[in-house]
C-alpha atoms as a PDB file:
ATOM      1  CA  MET A   1     110.057  -5.939 -24.375  1.00  0.00           C
ATOM      2  CA  THR A   2     106.338  -6.483 -24.919  1.00  0.00           C
ATOM      3  CA  ALA A   3     105.470  -9.981 -23.601  1.00  0.00           C
ATOM      4  CA  ILE A   4     106.468 -12.621 -21.084  1.00  0.00           C
ATOM      5  CA  ASP A   5     107.580 -15.636 -23.123  1.00  0.00           C
ATOM      6  CA  PRO A   6     108.168 -19.243 -22.061  1.00  0.00           C
ATOM      7  CA  TYR A   7     111.164 -19.951 -19.867  1.00  0.00           C
ATOM      8  CA  GLU A   8     114.276 -21.159 -21.639  1.00  0.00           C
ATOM      9  CA  SER A   9     116.466 -23.480 -19.587  1.00  0.00           C
ATOM     10  CA  SER A  10     120.153 -23.873 -20.347  1.00  0.00           C
ATOM     11  CA  PRO A  11     123.179 -25.493 -18.689  1.00  0.00           C
ATOM     12  CA  ALA A  12     124.683 -23.797 -15.661  1.00  0.00           C
ATOM     13  CA  ALA A  13     127.218 -21.102 -16.497  1.00  0.00           C
ATOM     14  CA  CYS A  14     128.955 -18.102 -14.940  1.00  0.00           C
ATOM     15  CA  ARG A  15     128.682 -15.277 -17.446  1.00  0.00           C
ATOM     16  CA  ASP A  16     130.113 -11.791 -17.281  1.00  0.00           C
ATOM     17  CA  TYR A  17     127.794  -9.115 -15.934  1.00  0.00           C
ATOM     18  CA  ASP A  18     125.410  -7.644 -18.504  1.00  0.00           C
ATOM     19  CA  PRO A  19     124.267  -4.098 -17.613  1.00  0.00           C
ATOM     20  CA  ARG A  20     121.113  -4.633 -19.666  1.00  0.00           C
ATOM     21  CA  CYS A  21     119.843  -6.881 -16.861  1.00  0.00           C
ATOM     22  CA  ALA A  22     119.242  -3.840 -14.646  1.00  0.00           C
ATOM     23  CA  GLU A  23     117.091  -2.219 -17.338  1.00  0.00           C
ATOM     24  CA  VAL A  24     115.144  -5.449 -17.856  1.00  0.00           C
ATOM     25  CA  ALA A  25     114.559  -5.644 -14.096  1.00  0.00           C
ATOM     26  CA  ARG A  26     113.303  -2.059 -14.002  1.00  0.00           C
ATOM     27  CA  LEU A  27     110.901  -2.613 -16.897  1.00  0.00           C
ATOM     28  CA  LEU A  28     109.568  -5.804 -15.335  1.00  0.00           C
ATOM     29  CA  ALA A  29     109.110  -4.135 -11.951  1.00  0.00           C
ATOM     30  CA  ASP A  30     107.111  -1.372 -13.651  1.00  0.00           C
ATOM     31  CA  LEU A  31     105.022  -3.979 -15.464  1.00  0.00           C
ATOM     32  CA  ILE A  32     104.239  -5.894 -12.280  1.00  0.00           C
ATOM     33  CA  THR A  33     103.485  -2.857 -10.118  1.00  0.00           C
ATOM     34  CA  SER A  34     101.202  -1.462 -12.808  1.00  0.00           C
ATOM     35  CA  ARG A  35      99.060  -4.568 -12.381  1.00  0.00           C
ATOM     36  CA  LEU A  36      98.972  -4.337  -8.584  1.00  0.00           C
ATOM     37  CA  ALA A  37      99.154  -0.756  -7.305  1.00  0.00           C
ATOM     38  CA  GLY A  38     101.163  -0.394  -4.136  1.00  0.00           C
ATOM     39  CA  SER A  39     103.106  -3.613  -4.591  1.00  0.00           C
ATOM     40  CA  VAL A  40     106.885  -3.677  -4.115  1.00  0.00           C
ATOM     41  CA  VAL A  41     109.312  -5.414  -6.465  1.00  0.00           C
ATOM     42  CA  GLU A  42     113.051  -5.655  -5.734  1.00  0.00           C
ATOM     43  CA  HIS A  43     115.866  -6.653  -8.081  1.00  0.00           C
ATOM     44  CA  ILE A  44     117.951  -9.323  -6.328  1.00  0.00           C
ATOM     45  CA  GLY A  45     120.474 -11.991  -7.293  1.00  0.00           C
ATOM     46  CA  SER A  46     123.749 -11.556  -9.145  1.00  0.00           C
ATOM     47  CA  THR A  47     122.287  -9.404 -11.911  1.00  0.00           C
ATOM     48  CA  SER A  48     121.342  -6.801  -9.269  1.00  0.00           C
ATOM     49  CA  VAL A  49     125.007  -6.239  -8.369  1.00  0.00           C
ATOM     50  CA  PRO A  50     126.936  -4.206 -10.963  1.00  0.00           C
ATOM     51  CA  GLY A  51     129.975  -6.068 -12.260  1.00  0.00           C
ATOM     52  CA  LEU A  52     129.089  -9.420 -10.666  1.00  0.00           C
ATOM     53  CA  ALA A  53     129.309 -12.468 -12.940  1.00  0.00           C
ATOM     54  CA  GLY A  54     126.621 -15.131 -12.640  1.00  0.00           C
ATOM     55  CA  LYS A  55     123.994 -17.199 -14.452  1.00  0.00           C
ATOM     56  CA  GLY A  56     122.615 -14.097 -16.132  1.00  0.00           C
ATOM     57  CA  ILE A  57     119.084 -14.786 -14.911  1.00  0.00           C
ATOM     58  CA  VAL A  58     117.129 -11.689 -13.836  1.00  0.00           C
ATOM     59  CA  ASP A  59     115.831 -12.431 -10.333  1.00  0.00           C
ATOM     60  CA  LEU A  60     113.075 -10.257  -8.885  1.00  0.00           C
ATOM     61  CA  MET A  61     111.438 -10.439  -5.475  1.00  0.00           C
ATOM     62  CA  TYR A  62     107.730  -9.644  -5.382  1.00  0.00           C
ATOM     63  CA  LEU A  63     106.815  -8.601  -1.837  1.00  0.00           C
ATOM     64  CA  TYR A  64     103.152  -9.034  -0.973  1.00  0.00           C
ATOM     65  CA  PRO A  65     101.337  -7.699   2.121  1.00  0.00           C
ATOM     66  CA  GLN A  66      99.732  -9.910   4.727  1.00  0.00           C
ATOM     67  CA  GLY A  67      96.942 -11.976   3.144  1.00  0.00           C
ATOM     68  CA  GLY A  68      98.003 -11.048  -0.393  1.00  0.00           C
ATOM     69  CA  LEU A  69      99.602 -14.284  -1.607  1.00  0.00           C
ATOM     70  CA  ALA A  70      96.724 -15.480  -3.781  1.00  0.00           C
ATOM     71  CA  ARG A  71      96.340 -12.056  -5.355  1.00  0.00           C
ATOM     72  CA  ALA A  72     100.079 -11.879  -6.071  1.00  0.00           C
ATOM     73  CA  ARG A  73     100.081 -15.307  -7.742  1.00  0.00           C
ATOM     74  CA  ASP A  74      97.050 -14.416  -9.839  1.00  0.00           C
ATOM     75  CA  ALA A  75      98.591 -11.126 -10.949  1.00  0.00           C
ATOM     76  CA  LEU A  76     101.807 -12.787 -12.099  1.00  0.00           C
ATOM     77  CA  ASP A  77      99.912 -15.574 -13.839  1.00  0.00           C
ATOM     78  CA  SER A  78      97.769 -13.039 -15.685  1.00  0.00           C
ATOM     79  CA  LEU A  79     100.905 -11.309 -16.967  1.00  0.00           C
ATOM     80  CA  GLY A  80     102.132 -14.534 -18.518  1.00  0.00           C
ATOM     81  CA  PHE A  81     104.639 -15.741 -15.935  1.00  0.00           C
ATOM     82  CA  GLN A  82     104.680 -19.514 -15.611  1.00  0.00           C
ATOM     83  CA  ARG A  83     104.845 -22.018 -12.790  1.00  0.00           C
ATOM     84  CA  GLN A  84     108.071 -23.929 -12.371  1.00  0.00           C
ATOM     85  CA  THR A  85     108.523 -27.284 -13.998  1.00  0.00           C
ATOM     86  CA  GLY A  86     111.181 -29.907 -13.400  1.00  0.00           C
ATOM     87  CA  ARG A  87     112.803 -31.045 -10.180  1.00  0.00           C
ATOM     88  CA  ASP A  88     112.369 -29.512  -6.729  1.00  0.00           C
ATOM     89  CA  PRO A  89     110.108 -26.542  -7.522  1.00  0.00           C
ATOM     90  CA  PHE A  90     109.316 -23.932  -4.889  1.00  0.00           C
ATOM     91  CA  PRO A  91     106.060 -24.711  -3.016  1.00  0.00           C
ATOM     92  CA  GLU A  92     102.967 -22.672  -3.830  1.00  0.00           C
ATOM     93  CA  GLU A  93     102.927 -21.210  -0.317  1.00  0.00           C
ATOM     94  CA  ARG A  94     106.287 -19.606  -1.230  1.00  0.00           C
ATOM     95  CA  PRO A  95     106.130 -19.723  -5.021  1.00  0.00           C
ATOM     96  CA  MET A  96     108.465 -18.745  -7.798  1.00  0.00           C
ATOM     97  CA  ARG A  97     107.256 -17.818 -11.264  1.00  0.00           C
ATOM     98  CA  ILE A  98     109.446 -18.037 -14.343  1.00  0.00           C
ATOM     99  CA  GLY A  99     109.519 -16.729 -17.893  1.00  0.00           C
ATOM    100  CA  SER A 100     111.724 -14.957 -20.402  1.00  0.00           C
ATOM    101  CA  VAL A 101     111.729 -11.701 -22.347  1.00  0.00           C
ATOM    102  CA  LEU A 102     113.409 -10.482 -25.495  1.00  0.00           C
ATOM    103  CA  TYR A 103     115.224  -7.200 -24.926  1.00  0.00           C
ATOM    104  CA  ASP A 104     117.728  -5.446 -27.176  1.00  0.00           C
ATOM    105  CA  GLY A 105     118.044  -8.578 -29.297  1.00  0.00           C
ATOM    106  CA  GLN A 106     118.904 -10.765 -26.290  1.00  0.00           C
ATOM    107  CA  ARG A 107     116.775 -13.391 -24.536  1.00  0.00           C
ATOM    108  CA  PHE A 108     116.741 -12.954 -20.724  1.00  0.00           C
ATOM    109  CA  SER A 109     115.476 -15.691 -18.405  1.00  0.00           C
ATOM    110  CA  LEU A 110     113.392 -14.564 -15.413  1.00  0.00           C
ATOM    111  CA  HIS A 111     112.799 -15.767 -11.860  1.00  0.00           C
ATOM    112  CA  ILE A 112     110.089 -13.998  -9.827  1.00  0.00           C
ATOM    113  CA  HIS A 113     110.283 -14.924  -6.138  1.00  0.00           C
ATOM    114  CA  VAL A 114     106.966 -14.337  -4.366  1.00  0.00           C
ATOM    115  CA  ILE A 115     107.634 -13.616  -0.688  1.00  0.00           C
ATOM    116  CA  ALA A 116     105.688 -12.058   2.173  1.00  0.00           C
ATOM    117  CA  ALA A 117     106.851  -8.494   2.828  1.00  0.00           C
ATOM    118  CA  ASP A 118     107.477  -9.226   6.516  1.00  0.00           C
ATOM    119  CA  ALA A 119     109.303 -12.537   5.959  1.00  0.00           C
ATOM    120  CA  ALA A 120     112.835 -12.992   7.294  1.00  0.00           C
ATOM    121  CA  GLU A 121     113.810 -14.429   3.906  1.00  0.00           C
ATOM    122  CA  ALA A 122     113.035 -11.101   2.224  1.00  0.00           C
ATOM    123  CA  ARG A 123     115.245  -9.218   4.674  1.00  0.00           C
ATOM    124  CA  GLU A 124     118.079 -11.697   4.159  1.00  0.00           C
ATOM    125  CA  LEU A 125     117.936 -11.553   0.367  1.00  0.00           C
ATOM    126  CA  LEU A 126     118.137  -7.769   0.454  1.00  0.00           C
ATOM    127  CA  ALA A 127     120.932  -7.862   3.027  1.00  0.00           C
ATOM    128  CA  PHE A 128     122.948 -10.292   0.885  1.00  0.00           C
ATOM    129  CA  ARG A 129     122.475  -8.098  -2.192  1.00  0.00           C
ATOM    130  CA  ASP A 130     123.489  -4.965  -0.311  1.00  0.00           C
ATOM    131  CA  ARG A 131     126.542  -6.715   1.165  1.00  0.00           C
ATOM    132  CA  LEU A 132     127.720  -7.733  -2.307  1.00  0.00           C
ATOM    133  CA  ARG A 133     127.197  -4.221  -3.641  1.00  0.00           C
ATOM    134  CA  ALA A 134     129.301  -2.806  -0.809  1.00  0.00           C
ATOM    135  CA  ASP A 135     132.213  -5.269  -0.748  1.00  0.00           C
ATOM    136  CA  ALA A 136     134.464  -5.781  -3.792  1.00  0.00           C
ATOM    137  CA  ASN A 137     136.431  -8.548  -2.048  1.00  0.00           C
ATOM    138  CA  LEU A 138     133.263 -10.506  -1.321  1.00  0.00           C
ATOM    139  CA  ARG A 139     132.155 -10.116  -4.944  1.00  0.00           C
ATOM    140  CA  ALA A 140     135.485 -11.529  -6.126  1.00  0.00           C
ATOM    141  CA  LYS A 141     135.196 -14.505  -3.752  1.00  0.00           C
ATOM    142  CA  TYR A 142     131.634 -15.198  -4.891  1.00  0.00           C
ATOM    143  CA  VAL A 143     132.620 -15.177  -8.564  1.00  0.00           C
ATOM    144  CA  SER A 144     135.585 -17.429  -7.788  1.00  0.00           C
ATOM    145  CA  CYS A 145     133.243 -19.846  -6.014  1.00  0.00           C
ATOM    146  CA  LYS A 146     130.816 -19.935  -8.943  1.00  0.00           C
ATOM    147  CA  ARG A 147     133.519 -20.376 -11.564  1.00  0.00           C
ATOM    148  CA  GLY A 148     135.090 -23.112  -9.466  1.00  0.00           C
ATOM    149  CA  ILE A 149     131.783 -25.000  -9.495  1.00  0.00           C
ATOM    150  CA  ILE A 150     131.577 -24.717 -13.281  1.00  0.00           C
ATOM    151  CA  ALA A 151     135.251 -25.732 -13.647  1.00  0.00           C
ATOM    152  CA  ALA A 152     134.470 -28.864 -11.620  1.00  0.00           C
ATOM    153  CA  GLY A 153     132.143 -29.928 -14.419  1.00  0.00           C
ATOM    154  CA  VAL A 154     128.779 -29.007 -12.909  1.00  0.00           C
ATOM    155  CA  THR A 155     126.310 -28.195 -15.692  1.00  0.00           C
ATOM    156  CA  ASP A 156     123.020 -29.034 -13.956  1.00  0.00           C
ATOM    157  CA  ARG A 157     121.407 -25.758 -12.845  1.00  0.00           C
ATOM    158  CA  LEU A 158     119.886 -27.187  -9.690  1.00  0.00           C
ATOM    159  CA  GLU A 159     123.136 -28.749  -8.515  1.00  0.00           C
ATOM    160  CA  TYR A 160     124.931 -25.492  -9.318  1.00  0.00           C
ATOM    161  CA  CYS A 161     122.456 -23.585  -7.122  1.00  0.00           C
ATOM    162  CA  TYR A 162     122.891 -26.063  -4.272  1.00  0.00           C
ATOM    163  CA  ARG A 163     126.676 -25.788  -4.460  1.00  0.00           C
ATOM    164  CA  LYS A 164     126.841 -21.995  -4.437  1.00  0.00           C
ATOM    165  CA  GLY A 165     124.145 -21.961  -1.760  1.00  0.00           C
ATOM    166  CA  GLU A 166     126.806 -23.060   0.735  1.00  0.00           C
ATOM    167  CA  PHE A 167     128.741 -19.843   0.056  1.00  0.00           C
ATOM    168  CA  VAL A 168     125.583 -17.749   0.367  1.00  0.00           C
ATOM    169  CA  GLU A 169     124.668 -19.350   3.690  1.00  0.00           C
ATOM    170  CA  ASP A 170     128.138 -18.655   5.097  1.00  0.00           C
ATOM    171  CA  VAL A 171     127.742 -14.987   4.186  1.00  0.00           C
ATOM    172  CA  MET A 172     124.243 -14.856   5.637  1.00  0.00           C
ATOM    173  CA  ARG A 173     125.496 -16.404   8.874  1.00  0.00           C
ATOM    174  CA  SER A 174     128.075 -13.635   9.193  1.00  0.00           C
ATOM    175  CA  LEU A 175     125.427 -11.005   8.415  1.00  0.00           C
ATOM    176  CA  ARG A 176     123.170 -12.328  11.165  1.00  0.00           C
ATOM    177  CA  GLU A 177     126.003 -11.724  13.596  1.00  0.00           C
ATOM    178  CA  ARG A 178     126.227  -8.063  12.506  1.00  0.00           C
ATOM    179  CA  VAL A 179     123.330  -6.567  14.412  1.00  0.00           C
ATOM    180  CA  TYR A 180     121.990  -3.052  13.924  1.00  0.00           C
ATOM    181  CA  PRO A 181     121.758  -1.871  17.540  1.00  0.00           C
ATOM    182  CA  GLU A 182     118.347  -1.559  19.172  1.00  0.00           C
ATOM    183  CA  ARG A 183     119.968   0.644  21.793  1.00  0.00           C
ATOM    184  CA  LEU A 184     122.902   2.998  21.301  1.00  0.00           C
ATOM    185  CA  GLU A 185     124.410   5.818  23.324  1.00  0.00           C
ATOM    186  CA  THR A 186     126.308   8.840  22.024  1.00  0.00           C
ATOM    187  CA  ALA A 187     127.908  11.650  24.013  1.00  0.00           C
ATOM    188  CA  ARG A 188     124.568  13.355  24.720  1.00  0.00           C
ATOM    189  CA  LEU A 189     121.890  10.998  23.383  1.00  0.00           C
ATOM    190  CA  VAL A 190     120.306   7.612  24.050  1.00  0.00           C
ATOM    191  CA  LEU A 191     118.833   5.921  20.956  1.00  0.00           C
ATOM    192  CA  THR A 192     116.310   3.093  21.420  1.00  0.00           C
ATOM    193  CA  ARG A 193     114.030   0.978  19.259  1.00  0.00           C
ATOM    194  CA  PRO A 194     110.501   2.488  19.251  1.00  0.00           C
ATOM    195  CA  THR A 195     107.614   1.043  21.229  1.00  0.00           C
ATOM    196  CA  GLU A 196     103.970   2.059  21.481  1.00  0.00           C
ATOM    197  CA  ALA A 197     104.832   3.826  24.742  1.00  0.00           C
ATOM    198  CA  ASP A 198     106.761   6.411  22.701  1.00  0.00           C
ATOM    199  CA  TRP A 199     103.810   7.347  20.477  1.00  0.00           C
ATOM    200  CA  PRO A 200     102.405  10.240  22.572  1.00  0.00           C
ATOM    201  CA  GLU A 201     105.743  12.092  22.480  1.00  0.00           C
ATOM    202  CA  VAL A 202     106.298  11.371  18.783  1.00  0.00           C
ATOM    203  CA  THR A 203     102.754  12.539  18.012  1.00  0.00           C
ATOM    204  CA  ALA A 204     103.245  15.726  20.030  1.00  0.00           C
ATOM    205  CA  MET A 205     106.433  16.563  18.100  1.00  0.00           C
ATOM    206  CA  HIS A 206     104.755  15.828  14.772  1.00  0.00           C
ATOM    207  CA  SER A 207     101.864  18.116  15.778  1.00  0.00           C
ATOM    208  CA  ASP A 208     104.177  21.104  16.264  1.00  0.00           C
ATOM    209  CA  PRO A 209     103.777  23.475  13.277  1.00  0.00           C
ATOM    210  CA  ARG A 210     107.429  24.578  13.550  1.00  0.00           C
ATOM    211  CA  VAL A 211     108.691  21.008  13.254  1.00  0.00           C
ATOM    212  CA  MET A 212     106.280  20.079  10.503  1.00  0.00           C
ATOM    213  CA  ALA A 213     107.160  23.139   8.447  1.00  0.00           C
ATOM    214  CA  THR A 214     110.462  21.338   7.805  1.00  0.00           C
ATOM    215  CA  LEU A 215     108.697  18.056   6.994  1.00  0.00           C
ATOM    216  CA  GLY A 216     106.058  19.128   4.510  1.00  0.00           C
ATOM    217  CA  GLY A 217     103.251  20.385   6.745  1.00  0.00           C
ATOM    218  CA  LEU A 218     100.909  19.221   9.483  1.00  0.00           C
ATOM    219  CA  ARG A 219      99.284  15.777   9.297  1.00  0.00           C
ATOM    220  CA  SER A 220      95.811  14.559  10.171  1.00  0.00           C
ATOM    221  CA  ALA A 221      95.250  12.350  13.212  1.00  0.00           C
ATOM    222  CA  GLU A 222      94.989   9.324  10.904  1.00  0.00           C
ATOM    223  CA  GLU A 223      98.267  10.206   9.184  1.00  0.00           C
ATOM    224  CA  LEU A 224     100.012  10.653  12.523  1.00  0.00           C
ATOM    225  CA  GLN A 225      98.820   7.230  13.665  1.00  0.00           C
ATOM    226  CA  ALA A 226      99.972   5.654  10.402  1.00  0.00           C
ATOM    227  CA  GLY A 227     103.377   7.261  10.896  1.00  0.00           C
ATOM    228  CA  ASN A 228     103.637   5.792  14.389  1.00  0.00           C
ATOM    229  CA  LEU A 229     102.809   2.344  13.056  1.00  0.00           C
ATOM    230  CA  ARG A 230     105.503   2.697  10.415  1.00  0.00           C
ATOM    231  CA  LEU A 231     108.088   3.349  13.142  1.00  0.00           C
ATOM    232  CA  LEU A 232     107.418  -0.171  14.411  1.00  0.00           C
ATOM    233  CA  ALA A 233     106.984  -1.756  10.987  1.00  0.00           C
ATOM    234  CA  PHE A 234     110.432  -0.744   9.719  1.00  0.00           C
ATOM    235  CA  TRP A 235     112.079  -2.676  12.536  1.00  0.00           C
ATOM    236  CA  GLN A 236     109.749  -5.644  12.171  1.00  0.00           C
ATOM    237  CA  ASN A 237     110.210  -5.898   8.405  1.00  0.00           C
ATOM    238  CA  ASP A 238     113.885  -4.988   7.989  1.00  0.00           C
ATOM    239  CA  GLY A 239     115.551  -5.508  11.351  1.00  0.00           C
ATOM    240  CA  PHE A 240     116.435  -1.821  11.598  1.00  0.00           C
ATOM    241  CA  GLY A 241     114.712   1.544  11.479  1.00  0.00           C
ATOM    242  CA  TRP A 242     114.454   4.925  13.146  1.00  0.00           C
ATOM    243  CA  TRP A 243     115.303   5.163  16.819  1.00  0.00           C
ATOM    244  CA  ILE A 244     113.564   7.154  19.504  1.00  0.00           C
ATOM    245  CA  VAL A 245     116.038   9.782  20.703  1.00  0.00           C
ATOM    246  CA  ARG A 246     116.284  10.915  24.310  1.00  0.00           C
ATOM    247  CA  HIS A 247     118.542  13.343  26.144  1.00  0.00           C
ATOM    248  CA  ARG A 248     121.160  11.298  27.966  1.00  0.00           C
ATOM    249  CA  PRO A 249     121.495  13.566  31.033  1.00  0.00           C
ATOM    250  CA  ASP A 250     117.794  13.610  31.946  1.00  0.00           C
ATOM    251  CA  GLY A 251     115.852  11.246  29.623  1.00  0.00           C
ATOM    252  CA  ARG A 252     113.800  13.971  27.958  1.00  0.00           C
ATOM    253  CA  PHE A 253     112.339  13.156  24.529  1.00  0.00           C
ATOM    254  CA  VAL A 254     114.493  14.728  21.796  1.00  0.00           C
ATOM    255  CA  GLY A 255     113.088  13.284  18.585  1.00  0.00           C
ATOM    256  CA  ARG A 256     113.390  10.340  16.233  1.00  0.00           C
ATOM    257  CA  GLY A 257     115.787   9.334  13.487  1.00  0.00           C
ATOM    258  CA  GLY A 258     118.173   6.789  12.090  1.00  0.00           C
ATOM    259  CA  LEU A 259     118.071   4.629   8.978  1.00  0.00           C
ATOM    260  CA  ARG A 260     115.176   3.025   7.157  1.00  0.00           C
ATOM    261  CA  ARG A 261     114.641   1.174   3.906  1.00  0.00           C
ATOM    262  CA  LEU A 262     112.562   3.269   1.510  1.00  0.00           C
ATOM    263  CA  ASN A 263     111.529   3.212  -2.123  1.00  0.00           C
ATOM    264  CA  VAL A 264     112.500   6.607  -3.490  1.00  0.00           C
ATOM    265  CA  ASN A 265     111.292   7.348  -7.006  1.00  0.00           C
ATOM    266  CA  GLY A 266     111.325   3.659  -7.914  1.00  0.00           C
ATOM    267  CA  ARG A 267     114.723   2.882  -6.367  1.00  0.00           C
ATOM    268  CA  ASP A 268     115.351   0.888  -3.212  1.00  0.00           C
ATOM    269  CA  GLU A 269     117.347   3.105  -0.829  1.00  0.00           C
ATOM    270  CA  ILE A 270     118.583   3.191   2.728  1.00  0.00           C
ATOM    271  CA  GLU A 271     117.601   6.651   3.938  1.00  0.00           C
ATOM    272  CA  LEU A 272     119.090   8.675   6.765  1.00  0.00           C
ATOM    273  CA  GLY A 273     116.375  10.662   8.501  1.00  0.00           C
ATOM    274  CA  TYR A 274     116.157  12.837  11.608  1.00  0.00           C
ATOM    275  CA  GLY A 275     113.611  15.068  13.299  1.00  0.00           C
ATOM    276  CA  LEU A 276     114.020  16.905  16.607  1.00  0.00           C
ATOM    277  CA  ALA A 277     111.707  18.761  18.951  1.00  0.00           C
ATOM    278  CA  THR A 278     112.242  22.525  18.665  1.00  0.00           C
ATOM    279  CA  GLU A 279     113.697  22.929  22.170  1.00  0.00           C
ATOM    280  CA  PHE A 280     116.708  20.901  21.007  1.00  0.00           C
ATOM    281  CA  TRP A 281     117.370  22.768  17.778  1.00  0.00           C
ATOM    282  CA  GLY A 282     120.676  24.538  17.295  1.00  0.00           C
ATOM    283  CA  GLN A 283     122.678  22.337  19.699  1.00  0.00           C
ATOM    284  CA  GLY A 284     124.318  20.001  17.189  1.00  0.00           C
ATOM    285  CA  LEU A 285     122.177  17.051  18.272  1.00  0.00           C
ATOM    286  CA  ALA A 286     120.856  16.332  14.774  1.00  0.00           C
ATOM    287  CA  THR A 287     124.451  15.995  13.583  1.00  0.00           C
ATOM    288  CA  GLU A 288     125.281  13.745  16.555  1.00  0.00           C
ATOM    289  CA  LEU A 289     122.282  11.513  15.811  1.00  0.00           C
ATOM    290  CA  ALA A 290     123.009  11.440  12.078  1.00  0.00           C
ATOM    291  CA  ALA A 291     126.688  10.596  12.596  1.00  0.00           C
ATOM    292  CA  ALA A 292     125.776   7.611  14.809  1.00  0.00           C
ATOM    293  CA  SER A 293     123.250   6.469  12.209  1.00  0.00           C
ATOM    294  CA  VAL A 294     125.761   6.670   9.354  1.00  0.00           C
ATOM    295  CA  LYS A 295     128.322   4.676  11.366  1.00  0.00           C
ATOM    296  CA  ALA A 296     125.748   1.957  12.102  1.00  0.00           C
ATOM    297  CA  GLY A 297     124.756   1.813   8.443  1.00  0.00           C
ATOM    298  CA  PHE A 298     128.262   1.380   7.118  1.00  0.00           C
ATOM    299  CA  GLU A 299     129.644  -0.807   9.908  1.00  0.00           C
ATOM    300  CA  ALA A 300     126.682  -2.944  11.025  1.00  0.00           C
ATOM    301  CA  LEU A 301     124.561  -3.055   7.865  1.00  0.00           C
ATOM    302  CA  GLU A 302     127.542  -2.589   5.511  1.00  0.00           C
ATOM    303  CA  VAL A 303     125.379  -0.846   2.926  1.00  0.00           C
ATOM    304  CA  PRO A 304     127.140   0.629  -0.125  1.00  0.00           C
ATOM    305  CA  ASP A 305     125.632   4.094   0.260  1.00  0.00           C
ATOM    306  CA  LEU A 306     123.054   6.177   2.069  1.00  0.00           C
ATOM    307  CA  VAL A 307     120.646   8.767   0.724  1.00  0.00           C
ATOM    308  CA  CYS A 308     119.356  11.791   2.622  1.00  0.00           C
ATOM    309  CA  PHE A 309     116.875  14.347   1.329  1.00  0.00           C
ATOM    310  CA  THR A 310     114.916  17.321   2.534  1.00  0.00           C
ATOM    311  CA  LEU A 311     112.799  20.198   1.319  1.00  0.00           C
ATOM    312  CA  THR A 312     114.703  22.739  -0.754  1.00  0.00           C
ATOM    313  CA  THR A 313     113.882  25.359   1.895  1.00  0.00           C
ATOM    314  CA  ASN A 314     115.308  23.343   4.816  1.00  0.00           C
ATOM    315  CA  LEU A 315     118.829  24.754   4.868  1.00  0.00           C
ATOM    316  CA  ARG A 316     119.424  23.623   8.471  1.00  0.00           C
ATOM    317  CA  SER A 317     118.983  19.964   7.468  1.00  0.00           C
ATOM    318  CA  GLN A 318     121.154  20.404   4.390  1.00  0.00           C
ATOM    319  CA  ARG A 319     123.988  21.687   6.584  1.00  0.00           C
ATOM    320  CA  VAL A 320     123.797  18.506   8.668  1.00  0.00           C
ATOM    321  CA  MET A 321     124.190  16.398   5.524  1.00  0.00           C
ATOM    322  CA  GLN A 322     127.120  18.473   4.325  1.00  0.00           C
ATOM    323  CA  LYS A 323     128.913  18.228   7.694  1.00  0.00           C
ATOM    324  CA  LEU A 324     128.763  14.432   7.457  1.00  0.00           C
ATOM    325  CA  GLY A 325     130.204  14.348   3.942  1.00  0.00           C
ATOM    326  CA  PHE A 326     127.007  13.809   1.975  1.00  0.00           C
ATOM    327  CA  ARG A 327     127.335  15.173  -1.540  1.00  0.00           C
ATOM    328  CA  PHE A 328     124.589  16.938  -3.448  1.00  0.00           C
ATOM    329  CA  GLU A 329     123.143  14.586  -6.060  1.00  0.00           C
ATOM    330  CA  ARG A 330     120.102  16.245  -7.614  1.00  0.00           C
ATOM    331  CA  HIS A 331     116.936  18.248  -7.258  1.00  0.00           C
ATOM    332  CA  GLY A 332     113.715  16.263  -7.435  1.00  0.00           C
ATOM    333  CA  GLU A 333     110.314  15.599  -5.933  1.00  0.00           C
ATOM    334  CA  TYR A 334     109.231  13.485  -3.003  1.00  0.00           C
ATOM    335  CA  ALA A 335     105.626  13.330  -1.794  1.00  0.00           C
ATOM    336  CA  ASN A 336     104.839  15.852  -4.553  1.00  0.00           C
ATOM    337  CA  MET A 337     107.103  18.510  -3.018  1.00  0.00           C
ATOM    338  CA  PRO A 338     110.463  19.871  -4.227  1.00  0.00           C
ATOM    339  CA  HIS A 339     113.434  18.276  -2.460  1.00  0.00           C
ATOM    340  CA  VAL A 340     117.203  18.186  -2.650  1.00  0.00           C
ATOM    341  CA  PHE A 341     118.859  14.758  -2.612  1.00  0.00           C
ATOM    342  CA  TYR A 342     122.282  14.035  -1.124  1.00  0.00           C
ATOM    343  CA  ARG A 343     124.263  10.776  -1.081  1.00  0.00           C
ATOM    344  CA  LEU A 344     127.186   9.404   0.940  1.00  0.00           C
ATOM    345  CA  ARG A 345     129.122   6.395  -0.330  1.00  0.00           C
ATOM    346  CA  ARG A 346     130.717   3.910   2.031  1.00  0.00           C
ATOM    347  CA  GLU A 347     134.184   4.216   0.501  1.00  0.00           C
ATOM    348  CA  ASP A 348     134.108   8.005   0.863  1.00  0.00           C
ATOM    349  CA  TRP A 349     133.046   7.709   4.502  1.00  0.00           C
ATOM    350  CA  GLN A 350     135.781   5.148   5.196  1.00  0.00           C
ATOM    351  CA  THR A 351     138.399   7.394   3.611  1.00  0.00           C
ATOM    352  CA  ALA A 352     137.257  10.401   5.629  1.00  0.00           C
ATOM    353  CA  ASN A 353     137.277   8.393   8.867  1.00  0.00           C
ATOM    354  CA  SER A 354     140.474   6.401   8.367  1.00  0.00           C
END
């Protein structure tokens, strides 16, 4: 794959899943992010869900930061992606670029959706993808819907998209009703969505050398402030994030933790994270927080799996993961430091908790 070629339109179809689509998506994401450092590209659509039949078009979502729309359009244009032609194109304030690539002897059509990183549409597209990845029954219903449209004689791509859009909207409506809780209580903890009022306590914990020894070392004042801002941004961008954790009996600050969306070594992940003030270590509270987070992830978000990772030296954190059923996946690096990576799959969690 060396160039972005002109888009090749063809009649609507529902083809079997082609695993090469995932590799094409990865190569394209690398190509795009190499042009704009710090940009985020997500693989979405049917080709992003292993085993799901569909049009066979590789859909990517290019997420641009506030004020970055013009730069994003220019970057894609310079790479050879084209503007849409034909009926009902996306508007330039929410554009889509198209193209095709030759890979492994096969021509793959491309759709690049250009969406603001904080847009509700971006959150919904990712939520729909994650729901399909997690639910085999939903995948089967979606394929049945698409094949039914084709069997009815629909060959026009735009009409096909409109027809299956009704199914997608029904799923999205149900997802909107599944809310990741902004407030949650466990036996000993109260978990709440962060506000700026929590920053002094979070900053104090993250300034404790004993805590930060487990998190890669002390941070500068600027890094601490950036971390506080991220606590708010996760919720604003994704509709979920880390909670502030307080002691239920007396309201004392315990720490922070929960789930957040994170790009880990080029892969979009939902990460379980937790950090507690030292006075609350050794009481099982990290496990209590993590267990509530896992339950919310699999029941409210319905994600297919969760990743959790820590420094190779942090044996206390690794024991928490193991208690919850996370399985060791690999050694690797994160933030240029050696880590161990664990993963818990939804079906394994359901089996263990049935």
